[in-house]
Every structure is written in structure tokens, then in C-alpha cells.
Amino acid sequence: MSKEHSFDVTAEIDKQKLKDAYEQAKKVITNRWDFKGINPEFNYNEKAKVITLTCSSESKAEAMFDALVSEAIKRDISAKGIKETSRDTVGGGNTRINVTITDTISKDDAKKIVKIIKDTKLKVQASIRGEEVRVEGKSIDDLQAVMKALRAEDLDFPVNFTNLK
């Protein structure tokens, strides 16, 4: 039983689920009674991975952001992948919230993951491969223990496991 098993640690977010969450949040907000007569604006730029929420007051813009995060969580998208980057007051007293979608692991974050894996002292190897970390080992139980250890850590980015072989 010397066969190697492996999996990849990524921060990837399912784009279709995110789009569905965005569309549902728009519906929820436009149907709420406290938004009647108000024109909330949602703008999703898929290439830039930015969602812009604009509304007449800060509390309404905050409600839009909460609806977006809530719908994303319902679709198993980590709230850590949806981050508010700026909150501005724009023309007419409107408030704009810029939300960034994080779906990649930076080099520093990958190094954190490797360190966490090494600290488990399990017989596995971790290697950084671009925007993901490959974890290899002979025992599937060791790989599952690594997954459990990574889930237990309070990382500031989403962690997903793919390609378990």
C-alpha cells in the first residue's frame, strides 16, 4: 500500500453559486418593504471580482451587504471570500460599498498553510503550486487530519479542498 494520495488546498469560489447569490440578494432587497421607493444599485464586475452596492443611506447599504453575504453562505460560499474593501459617500448623500471577491491564495497565505501542515507533524508533504497548495501522503487518514487542522485554523481567506485522490 505504498500508493501516494493527495489533495489540493485552494480558495476557489464557485462562480455560478456566487452569481446566484448575487441575483438572489438583488431580489431579496428589491422585495423588502423598507426599500420601497428607494433605488438600490447592484453592480457585479466578474473580471475585476468586485461587487458595488449603492443606496441612499449607510444602513440600507449595510443591509444590502448583509443580504449578499447571507445568500452566499446559503450556497456554501465562505463569508471570508467576500470582503468589504471600501465604504464611500457619493453624490446625493448615497453610500457606496465596494466588495472584493477573494478566490486565490497569496504566496504568504500559502506559506501559512504549509507551516500549519508542518506543525501537525503528520507524514505528509506540502508544496506550493501557484495559487494552491498540494498535500501528499501515504495515508488518507493523515490527509483527513490535515484537512481538519486547516478547518480549525482561523484563516482570513476561504479554504477549499479539491482533487482528493
Protein backbone atom coordinates (compact mmCIF):
# COMPACT_ATOMS: atom_id res chain seq x y z
CA MET A 1 0.00 0.00 0.00
CA SER A 2 2.69 2.46 -0.99
CA LYS A 3 0.37 4.42 -3.26
CA GLU A 4 0.53 8.20 -2.72
CA HIS A 5 -2.68 10.08 -2.02
CA SER A 6 -3.09 13.82 -2.41
CA PHE A 7 -5.43 16.79 -2.36
CA ASP A 8 -5.21 20.48 -3.19
CA VAL A 9 -5.93 23.37 -0.85
CA THR A 10 -7.49 26.29 -2.76
CA ALA A 11 -9.53 29.42 -2.08
CA GLU A 12 -11.60 28.94 -5.22
CA ILE A 13 -15.23 30.07 -5.16
CA ASP A 14 -17.85 28.53 -7.44
CA LYS A 15 -18.59 31.40 -9.83
CA GLN A 16 -22.09 30.18 -10.66
CA LYS A 17 -23.05 29.90 -6.98
CA LEU A 18 -21.70 33.40 -6.39
CA LYS A 19 -23.70 34.74 -9.33
CA ASP A 20 -26.83 33.01 -7.98
CA ALA A 21 -26.23 34.53 -4.52
CA TYR A 22 -25.80 37.97 -6.09
CA GLU A 23 -29.02 37.68 -8.12
CA GLN A 24 -30.98 36.37 -5.12
CA ALA A 25 -29.68 39.18 -2.89
CA LYS A 26 -30.92 41.68 -5.51
CA LYS A 27 -34.38 40.07 -5.43
CA VAL A 28 -34.48 39.98 -1.63
CA ILE A 29 -33.55 43.67 -1.34
CA THR A 30 -35.95 44.91 -4.04
CA ASN A 31 -38.83 42.99 -2.40
CA ARG A 32 -38.19 44.28 1.13
CA TRP A 33 -40.76 46.79 2.37
CA ASP A 34 -38.12 49.14 3.79
CA PHE A 35 -36.60 49.50 0.29
CA LYS A 36 -39.89 50.54 -1.38
CA GLY A 37 -39.43 53.82 -3.24
CA ILE A 38 -35.65 53.57 -2.94
CA ASN A 39 -33.47 52.61 -5.88
CA PRO A 40 -30.70 50.31 -4.59
CA GLU A 41 -27.99 49.66 -7.17
CA PHE A 42 -26.09 46.40 -7.52
CA ASN A 43 -23.16 46.13 -9.92
CA TYR A 44 -21.12 42.94 -10.37
CA ASN A 45 -17.89 43.07 -12.37
CA GLU A 46 -16.89 39.42 -12.85
CA LYS A 47 -13.48 40.14 -14.38
CA ALA A 48 -12.40 42.51 -11.62
CA LYS A 49 -14.09 40.33 -8.97
CA VAL A 50 -15.80 43.39 -7.47
CA ILE A 51 -19.39 43.95 -6.42
CA THR A 52 -20.53 47.56 -5.91
CA LEU A 53 -23.56 48.25 -3.71
CA THR A 54 -25.06 51.76 -3.73
CA CYS A 55 -28.03 53.03 -1.74
CA SER A 56 -29.48 56.20 -0.20
CA SER A 57 -28.22 55.62 3.34
CA GLU A 58 -25.42 53.79 5.09
CA SER A 59 -27.82 51.49 6.95
CA LYS A 60 -29.54 50.48 3.70
CA ALA A 61 -26.17 49.82 2.02
CA GLU A 62 -25.19 47.72 5.04
CA ALA A 63 -28.44 45.75 4.67
CA MET A 64 -27.56 45.11 1.01
CA PHE A 65 -24.12 43.81 2.02
CA ASP A 66 -25.65 41.59 4.72
CA ALA A 67 -28.14 40.16 2.20
CA LEU A 68 -25.29 39.37 -0.21
CA VAL A 69 -23.24 37.60 2.46
CA SER A 70 -26.30 35.73 3.76
CA GLU A 71 -27.20 34.43 0.29
CA ALA A 72 -23.58 33.40 -0.31
CA ILE A 73 -23.46 31.44 2.96
CA LYS A 74 -26.69 29.64 2.00
CA ARG A 75 -24.83 28.39 -1.09
CA ASP A 76 -21.78 27.14 0.87
CA ILE A 77 -19.61 30.09 -0.12
CA SER A 78 -17.35 31.17 2.72
CA ALA A 79 -18.04 34.68 4.03
CA LYS A 80 -14.24 35.09 4.24
CA GLY A 81 -14.19 35.23 0.44
CA ILE A 82 -16.49 38.28 0.38
CA LYS A 83 -14.75 41.31 1.86
CA GLU A 84 -15.83 44.91 2.12
CA THR A 85 -12.90 46.96 0.82
CA SER A 86 -14.28 50.48 0.99
CA ARG A 87 -17.30 52.50 2.06
CA ASP A 88 -17.75 55.92 0.48
CA THR A 89 -20.30 58.69 0.45
CA VAL A 90 -21.11 59.56 -3.15
CA GLY A 91 -23.28 62.21 -4.82
CA GLY A 92 -26.70 62.91 -3.35
CA GLY A 93 -25.81 61.53 0.08
CA ASN A 94 -25.71 57.96 -1.24
CA THR A 95 -23.42 55.36 0.27
CA ARG A 96 -21.34 53.02 -1.89
CA ILE A 97 -19.81 49.79 -0.58
CA ASN A 98 -17.16 48.09 -2.69
CA VAL A 99 -16.93 44.35 -2.09
CA THR A 100 -13.99 42.26 -3.31
CA ILE A 101 -14.25 38.56 -4.04
CA THR A 102 -11.17 36.67 -2.80
CA ASP A 103 -10.72 33.36 -4.61
CA THR A 104 -6.96 32.92 -4.71
CA ILE A 105 -4.32 32.09 -2.14
CA SER A 106 -1.43 34.55 -2.00
CA LYS A 107 2.18 33.40 -1.59
CA ASP A 108 2.20 34.50 2.07
CA ASP A 109 -1.07 32.67 2.76
CA ALA A 110 0.28 29.55 1.04
CA LYS A 111 3.33 29.71 3.32
CA LYS A 112 0.99 29.94 6.35
CA ILE A 113 -0.83 26.82 5.15
CA VAL A 114 2.45 24.92 4.70
CA LYS A 115 3.56 25.96 8.20
CA ILE A 116 0.27 24.78 9.72
CA ILE A 117 0.64 21.45 7.93
CA LYS A 118 4.25 21.03 9.13
CA ASP A 119 3.19 21.86 12.70
CA THR A 120 0.79 18.88 12.66
CA LYS A 121 3.88 16.61 12.47
CA LEU A 122 1.99 14.16 10.23
CA LYS A 123 3.74 12.19 7.50
CA VAL A 124 2.64 14.41 4.63
CA GLN A 125 4.39 16.73 2.19
CA ALA A 126 3.02 20.14 1.27
CA SER A 127 4.13 22.03 -1.81
CA ILE A 128 3.06 25.41 -3.16
CA ARG A 129 1.82 25.26 -6.74
CA GLY A 130 0.87 28.74 -7.87
CA GLU A 131 -2.45 29.63 -6.23
CA GLU A 132 -2.90 26.28 -4.50
CA VAL A 133 -1.09 24.01 -2.07
CA ARG A 134 -0.74 20.31 -2.90
CA VAL A 135 -0.64 17.96 0.09
CA GLU A 136 0.62 14.40 -0.47
CA GLY A 137 0.88 11.44 1.86
CA LYS A 138 0.59 7.66 2.01
CA SER A 139 -2.29 7.60 4.47
CA ILE A 140 -5.71 9.03 3.69
CA ASP A 141 -6.23 9.33 7.46
CA ASP A 142 -3.24 11.70 7.65
CA LEU A 143 -4.67 13.78 4.80
CA GLN A 144 -8.03 13.99 6.56
CA ALA A 145 -6.26 15.06 9.77
CA VAL A 146 -4.56 17.85 7.79
CA MET A 147 -7.95 18.96 6.43
CA LYS A 148 -9.34 19.01 9.96
CA ALA A 149 -6.36 21.05 11.21
CA LEU A 150 -6.76 23.60 8.40
CA ARG A 151 -10.51 23.95 9.05
CA ALA A 152 -9.78 24.54 12.76
CA GLU A 153 -7.41 27.44 12.00
CA ASP A 154 -8.87 30.95 11.87
CA LEU A 155 -7.55 31.95 8.47
CA ASP A 156 -8.67 35.20 6.85
CA PHE A 157 -9.35 33.60 3.47
CA PRO A 158 -11.63 30.76 2.33
CA VAL A 159 -10.15 27.25 2.32
CA ASN A 160 -11.47 24.54 0.00
CA PHE A 161 -10.18 21.04 -0.64
CA THR A 162 -10.20 19.58 -4.15
CA ASN A 163 -8.82 16.63 -6.09
CA LEU A 164 -8.67 14.12 -3.24
CA LYS A 165 -7.07 11.08 -4.83
